[in-house]
Amino acid sequence: MRKLFAVLALPVVASAQTSFLVIGDWGRDGAGYQTAVATQMAAEAAKIHAAFVVSVGDNFYEEGVQKPTDNQFKTSFEDIYKAPSLQIPWFVAIGNHDYHGNVDAEIDYSKVDPRWHMPARYFTVHQKIDDTTSLDLFFLDTSPFVTQYRTEDKYKSHVAGIDTKAQVHWLDSALAASTAQWKMVIGHHPIYSASPKHGNTPELIAAINPLLVKYHAQVYLCGHDHNLQHLRLGHIDYFVSGGGSEARQAGHGAHTLWSATSPGFLAVEMSAATMRAQFINQRGRILDSTAVRATAKL
C-alpha cells in the first residue's frame, strides 16, 4: 500500500533567514498569465535567494496528469519554470484539478525530476532558519474533505474511501511533535476566503482550523480562489496565492486585510522573529507587503 505521509528535511544553509515563493493554480502550458508570472518569480527568486518554492495545488489543468511521464510535466512545469533561480526544490500540494487525473503520477514524478517533491499525499518539511530557529511546513491533501466532491462525477471515484480522519490525526500528531518556532500549514483549499467564486471551506474550518489554533500555527497558505488575498483571524494569518495563471474576482470580508483580482505570487522572507510577505503581480509590481511576527508557544 502506498505511504500516505512523509517527512522531509532541507539541508542547513549558513544564513540568518530563509526565503521562498508561494504559487498556486498554475499549470496551463504557459497560457493565461502563467509565463508572465513565472518570469517575475524567477526575478524575485534571484533577488531574495529563494531556497524553495511552495505550490499550493492545481498543478495541471484541466484534467491533471495520468502518468509520471505525462507531457504536461514538460509543457506546464519544466518549460515554464526554467530560469536558473527556479532550479530549487518545489514542495507541491495536491489540488482539486489534480484529482481529475492520477494523483499518484504526481507523487511518482518526484523520482523523475529532482526539483519536484511530493513524497506522499500529505507531508512535513523541516527547514532551519538559523542555529536556534526552525520552520515546519505541513502539507495537506484538502480535496477529500470537501463534501460536494464525494457526489460529483469528476471526483467521487477518486476521493471515495480516503480517510480524512486519518489525515486529521496525522496533522494533530505532527503539530504536537513540532518544536519549530514557526509553523505553517499548506493546503489547496482556503480555510477562510472572501472570494465570491469559492470562499470559505466549512469542512476545513471544522476539521483543520481548530488544530492551527490549538498548536499556535502562525500561517495557512492556500490557493483555489484564483486571486491574491491576506486575511487574519485571531493569531493566524491566511494567505491565498492562487494567481499562477489567471485571475478571478477577489472579495473583501470581515477578516480581509488585503485582496486583489490579479495574477501573481507570494514572496516570503523569514527570520527568527519576522515573516515578511509580499504579493507580486505578473509585471513585477509589489501589490502588498506585510509582516507576521513569530508568536508560537511551544
Protein backbone atom coordinates (compact mmCIF):
# COMPACT_ATOMS: atom_id res chain seq x y z
CA MET A 1 0.00 0.00 0.00
CA ARG A 2 1.32 3.46 -0.92
CA LYS A 3 2.53 5.53 2.02
CA LEU A 4 0.15 8.40 2.79
CA PHE A 5 2.52 10.76 4.63
CA ALA A 6 6.21 11.62 4.82
CA VAL A 7 8.73 13.94 6.49
CA LEU A 8 11.37 15.88 4.53
CA ALA A 9 14.30 17.91 5.90
CA LEU A 10 16.07 20.55 3.86
CA PRO A 11 19.85 20.95 4.07
CA VAL A 12 21.03 23.54 6.57
CA VAL A 13 22.24 26.76 4.94
CA ALA A 14 24.51 29.18 6.81
CA SER A 15 22.13 32.15 6.95
CA ALA A 16 20.04 34.06 9.48
CA GLN A 17 16.95 33.80 7.30
CA THR A 18 15.22 31.67 4.71
CA SER A 19 13.24 32.82 1.68
CA PHE A 20 10.75 31.10 -0.61
CA LEU A 21 7.94 31.67 -3.11
CA VAL A 22 4.31 30.51 -2.98
CA ILE A 23 2.38 29.83 -6.19
CA GLY A 24 -0.93 28.11 -6.92
CA ASP A 25 -3.32 27.25 -9.73
CA TRP A 26 -0.72 27.45 -12.45
CA GLY A 27 -0.38 24.53 -14.88
CA ARG A 28 -1.76 25.75 -18.23
CA ASP A 29 1.08 25.10 -20.71
CA GLY A 30 2.09 28.74 -20.28
CA ALA A 31 -1.36 30.09 -21.17
CA GLY A 32 -3.14 32.90 -19.37
CA TYR A 33 -0.61 34.73 -17.24
CA GLN A 34 1.43 31.64 -16.35
CA THR A 35 4.53 32.57 -18.36
CA ALA A 36 4.44 36.21 -17.22
CA VAL A 37 4.09 35.17 -13.57
CA ALA A 38 6.93 32.66 -13.98
CA THR A 39 9.19 35.40 -15.34
CA GLN A 40 8.59 37.55 -12.29
CA MET A 41 9.02 34.57 -9.97
CA ALA A 42 12.45 33.98 -11.48
CA ALA A 43 13.45 37.61 -10.93
CA GLU A 44 12.25 37.62 -7.33
CA ALA A 45 13.80 34.23 -6.55
CA ALA A 46 17.18 35.57 -7.71
CA LYS A 47 16.71 38.78 -5.72
CA ILE A 48 15.84 37.16 -2.39
CA HIS A 49 17.92 33.99 -2.92
CA ALA A 50 14.86 31.77 -2.60
CA ALA A 51 15.61 28.38 -1.10
CA PHE A 52 12.47 26.65 -2.39
CA VAL A 53 9.03 27.08 -3.94
CA VAL A 54 5.72 26.06 -2.36
CA SER A 55 2.98 25.04 -4.79
CA VAL A 56 -0.46 25.12 -3.20
CA GLY A 57 -2.03 22.86 -5.83
CA ASP A 58 -3.96 22.74 -9.07
CA ASN A 59 -0.69 21.96 -10.77
CA PHE A 60 -2.15 20.77 -14.10
CA TYR A 61 -5.32 21.99 -15.83
CA GLU A 62 -7.89 20.98 -16.59
CA GLU A 63 -7.65 17.24 -16.02
CA GLY A 64 -4.46 16.67 -14.06
CA VAL A 65 -1.94 14.12 -15.35
CA GLN A 66 -2.16 10.38 -15.89
CA LYS A 67 1.42 9.11 -15.55
CA PRO A 68 4.83 10.41 -14.37
CA THR A 69 5.95 10.71 -17.99
CA ASP A 70 2.92 12.83 -18.95
CA ASN A 71 3.91 15.59 -21.39
CA GLN A 72 2.32 18.24 -19.18
CA PHE A 73 5.19 17.93 -16.74
CA LYS A 74 7.32 19.33 -19.55
CA THR A 75 4.92 21.84 -21.10
CA SER A 76 3.46 23.24 -17.86
CA PHE A 77 6.39 22.85 -15.46
CA GLU A 78 9.83 22.21 -16.94
CA ASP A 79 9.46 24.55 -19.93
CA ILE A 80 7.87 27.39 -17.94
CA TYR A 81 9.86 27.48 -14.70
CA LYS A 82 13.21 27.02 -16.44
CA ALA A 83 15.15 30.01 -15.10
CA PRO A 84 18.28 29.15 -13.09
CA SER A 85 16.86 30.82 -9.96
CA LEU A 86 13.89 28.41 -10.02
CA GLN A 87 16.05 25.27 -10.14
CA ILE A 88 15.38 24.80 -6.44
CA PRO A 89 13.16 22.35 -4.56
CA TRP A 90 9.43 22.63 -5.29
CA PHE A 91 7.26 21.30 -2.46
CA VAL A 92 3.90 20.51 -4.01
CA ALA A 93 0.40 20.16 -2.57
CA ILE A 94 -2.48 18.43 -4.35
CA GLY A 95 -5.32 20.50 -5.80
CA ASN A 96 -8.80 19.51 -6.87
CA HIS A 97 -7.90 19.61 -10.59
CA ASP A 98 -5.04 17.23 -9.85
CA TYR A 99 -7.76 14.85 -8.65
CA HIS A 100 -9.29 14.90 -12.13
CA GLY A 101 -6.25 12.85 -13.13
CA ASN A 102 -3.95 10.46 -11.30
CA VAL A 103 -2.53 11.95 -8.09
CA ASP A 104 -0.10 9.05 -7.75
CA ALA A 105 1.51 10.15 -11.04
CA GLU A 106 2.46 13.45 -9.41
CA ILE A 107 3.86 11.61 -6.41
CA ASP A 108 5.87 9.33 -8.72
CA TYR A 109 7.19 12.31 -10.70
CA SER A 110 9.29 13.06 -7.60
CA LYS A 111 11.51 10.22 -8.82
CA VAL A 112 11.81 11.78 -12.29
CA ASP A 113 12.63 15.43 -11.58
CA PRO A 114 14.84 16.23 -8.56
CA ARG A 115 13.12 19.60 -8.17
CA TRP A 116 9.69 18.10 -7.61
CA HIS A 117 8.89 17.00 -4.06
CA MET A 118 5.57 15.32 -3.41
CA PRO A 119 6.60 12.29 -1.36
CA ALA A 120 3.04 11.47 -0.27
CA ARG A 121 -0.46 12.92 -0.23
CA TYR A 122 0.38 14.83 2.93
CA PHE A 123 3.81 15.50 4.38
CA THR A 124 6.03 17.71 6.54
CA VAL A 125 9.05 19.79 5.51
CA HIS A 126 11.55 20.90 8.14
CA GLN A 127 13.69 23.98 7.43
CA LYS A 128 16.34 25.59 9.64
CA ILE A 129 16.30 29.39 9.68
CA ASP A 130 19.31 29.88 11.94
CA ASP A 131 21.14 27.95 14.64
CA THR A 132 18.23 28.22 17.08
CA THR A 133 15.18 28.79 14.88
CA SER A 134 13.34 26.47 12.53
CA LEU A 135 10.27 26.35 10.31
CA ASP A 136 7.95 23.37 9.88
CA LEU A 137 5.62 23.26 6.88
CA PHE A 138 2.71 20.82 6.98
CA PHE A 139 1.31 19.98 3.53
CA LEU A 140 -2.29 18.75 3.41
CA ASP A 141 -4.46 16.96 0.86
CA THR A 142 -7.63 19.01 1.22
CA SER A 143 -9.86 17.75 -1.61
CA PRO A 144 -11.12 14.65 0.24
CA PHE A 145 -12.52 16.94 2.95
CA VAL A 146 -14.87 18.74 0.54
CA THR A 147 -18.29 17.12 0.84
CA GLN A 148 -19.54 18.00 -2.65
CA TYR A 149 -16.65 16.15 -4.29
CA ARG A 150 -17.99 12.87 -2.97
CA THR A 151 -21.01 13.18 -5.28
CA GLU A 152 -19.53 14.93 -8.34
CA ASP A 153 -18.60 12.63 -11.23
CA LYS A 154 -15.13 14.12 -11.71
CA TYR A 155 -14.17 13.47 -8.10
CA LYS A 156 -16.25 10.82 -6.41
CA SER A 157 -14.33 7.80 -7.67
CA HIS A 158 -11.02 9.46 -6.71
CA VAL A 159 -11.91 10.63 -3.19
CA ALA A 160 -14.15 7.72 -2.22
CA GLY A 161 -12.66 5.77 0.64
CA ILE A 162 -9.97 8.34 1.51
CA ASP A 163 -9.85 8.58 5.29
CA THR A 164 -9.87 12.25 6.28
CA LYS A 165 -9.90 11.32 9.96
CA ALA A 166 -6.50 9.68 9.49
CA GLN A 167 -5.16 12.88 7.96
CA VAL A 168 -6.54 14.96 10.83
CA HIS A 169 -4.91 12.56 13.29
CA TRP A 170 -1.61 12.87 11.40
CA LEU A 171 -1.74 16.68 11.47
CA ASP A 172 -2.65 16.71 15.16
CA SER A 173 0.29 14.42 15.96
CA ALA A 174 2.73 16.26 13.68
CA LEU A 175 1.86 19.68 15.09
CA ALA A 176 2.04 18.35 18.64
CA ALA A 177 5.51 16.90 18.00
CA SER A 178 6.87 20.01 16.29
CA THR A 179 9.33 22.14 18.26
CA ALA A 180 9.72 24.67 15.45
CA GLN A 181 9.27 28.32 16.29
CA TRP A 182 7.43 28.79 13.01
CA LYS A 183 4.57 26.51 11.97
CA MET A 184 2.84 26.85 8.59
CA VAL A 185 0.06 24.65 7.26
CA ILE A 186 -0.41 24.40 3.48
CA GLY A 187 -3.48 23.19 1.60
CA HIS A 188 -5.12 23.82 -1.74
CA HIS A 189 -8.50 24.94 -0.46
CA PRO A 190 -8.84 28.08 1.66
CA ILE A 191 -9.96 27.84 5.23
CA TYR A 192 -11.15 31.43 5.01
CA SER A 193 -11.59 33.38 1.77
CA ALA A 194 -13.76 36.35 0.77
CA SER A 195 -13.91 35.43 -2.93
CA PRO A 196 -17.39 35.05 -4.46
CA LYS A 197 -16.31 32.05 -6.60
CA HIS A 198 -15.40 29.68 -3.77
CA GLY A 199 -14.91 31.48 -0.45
CA ASN A 200 -14.67 29.73 2.90
CA THR A 201 -14.36 25.95 3.12
CA PRO A 202 -16.64 24.93 6.03
CA GLU A 203 -15.17 21.43 6.20
CA LEU A 204 -11.68 22.86 6.83
CA ILE A 205 -13.00 25.40 9.31
CA ALA A 206 -14.39 22.46 11.26
CA ALA A 207 -11.60 19.89 10.85
CA ILE A 208 -8.33 21.79 10.33
CA ASN A 209 -8.58 25.29 11.77
CA PRO A 210 -9.01 24.15 15.39
CA LEU A 211 -5.60 22.42 15.15
CA LEU A 212 -3.95 25.61 13.87
CA VAL A 213 -5.40 27.42 16.87
CA LYS A 214 -4.54 24.67 19.33
CA TYR A 215 -0.88 24.41 18.31
CA HIS A 216 -0.31 28.13 17.63
CA ALA A 217 0.46 27.84 13.95
CA GLN A 218 1.02 31.31 12.59
CA VAL A 219 0.20 30.87 8.89
CA TYR A 220 -2.06 28.98 6.50
CA LEU A 221 -1.13 29.06 2.78
CA CYS A 222 -3.56 28.05 0.02
CA GLY A 223 -4.90 28.71 -3.47
CA HIS A 224 -8.11 27.51 -5.20
CA ASP A 225 -9.55 31.02 -5.46
CA HIS A 226 -7.66 32.41 -8.45
CA ASN A 227 -6.59 35.66 -6.86
CA LEU A 228 -4.44 37.09 -4.07
CA GLN A 229 -5.66 37.59 -0.51
CA HIS A 230 -4.41 38.18 3.01
CA LEU A 231 -6.84 37.50 5.85
CA ARG A 232 -6.36 37.36 9.61
CA LEU A 233 -8.44 35.75 12.32
CA GLY A 234 -7.07 35.63 15.85
CA HIS A 235 -3.34 34.94 15.76
CA ILE A 236 -3.41 33.19 12.35
CA ASP A 237 -2.64 34.84 9.00
CA TYR A 238 -4.29 33.23 5.97
CA PHE A 239 -2.69 33.84 2.57
CA VAL A 240 -4.43 32.90 -0.69
CA SER A 241 -1.89 32.71 -3.53
CA GLY A 242 -3.93 31.32 -6.40
CA GLY A 243 -2.86 33.65 -9.20
CA GLY A 244 -0.41 31.41 -11.01
CA SER A 245 -2.11 31.58 -14.39
CA GLU A 246 -5.37 33.52 -14.24
CA ALA A 247 -7.30 35.91 -12.06
CA ARG A 248 -10.84 35.82 -10.72
CA GLN A 249 -12.69 38.37 -8.65
CA ALA A 250 -11.37 38.82 -5.12
CA GLY A 251 -13.81 39.88 -2.44
CA HIS A 252 -13.41 41.68 0.86
CA GLY A 253 -14.88 40.33 4.08
CA ALA A 254 -14.72 40.68 7.84
CA HIS A 255 -11.31 39.01 8.08
CA THR A 256 -9.74 40.56 4.96
CA LEU A 257 -6.65 42.71 5.40
CA TRP A 258 -5.98 42.98 1.66
CA SER A 259 -7.08 41.37 -1.61
CA ALA A 260 -6.63 41.85 -5.35
CA THR A 261 -8.15 40.45 -8.53
CA SER A 262 -4.75 39.78 -10.04
CA PRO A 263 -2.41 37.05 -11.19
CA GLY A 264 0.78 36.79 -9.18
CA PHE A 265 2.55 35.01 -6.36
CA LEU A 266 3.72 35.43 -2.77
CA ALA A 267 7.37 36.04 -1.84
CA VAL A 268 8.34 35.21 1.74
CA GLU A 269 11.46 36.16 3.69
CA MET A 270 11.72 34.71 7.19
CA SER A 271 13.97 35.46 10.13
CA ALA A 272 13.72 34.21 13.69
CA ALA A 273 11.30 36.97 14.65
CA THR A 274 9.50 38.03 11.49
CA MET A 275 7.94 36.73 8.30
CA ARG A 276 7.90 39.38 5.56
CA ALA A 277 5.37 38.55 2.85
CA GLN A 278 4.90 40.39 -0.44
CA PHE A 279 2.35 39.77 -3.16
CA ILE A 280 3.88 40.44 -6.59
CA ASN A 281 1.94 40.55 -9.85
CA GLN A 282 2.74 39.41 -13.38
CA ARG A 283 4.51 42.73 -14.13
CA GLY A 284 6.78 42.53 -11.10
CA ARG A 285 4.87 45.15 -9.13
CA ILE A 286 4.63 44.70 -5.35
CA LEU A 287 0.90 44.86 -4.63
CA ASP A 288 1.01 44.35 -0.88
CA SER A 289 3.65 43.89 1.80
CA THR A 290 3.07 42.74 5.35
CA ALA A 291 4.94 41.39 8.37
CA VAL A 292 3.92 38.48 10.59
CA ARG A 293 5.56 38.05 13.98
CA ALA A 294 6.63 34.73 15.47
CA THR A 295 4.22 34.11 18.30
CA ALA A 296 4.33 30.31 18.59
CA LYS A 297 4.01 28.83 22.06
CA LEU A 298 5.95 25.60 22.41
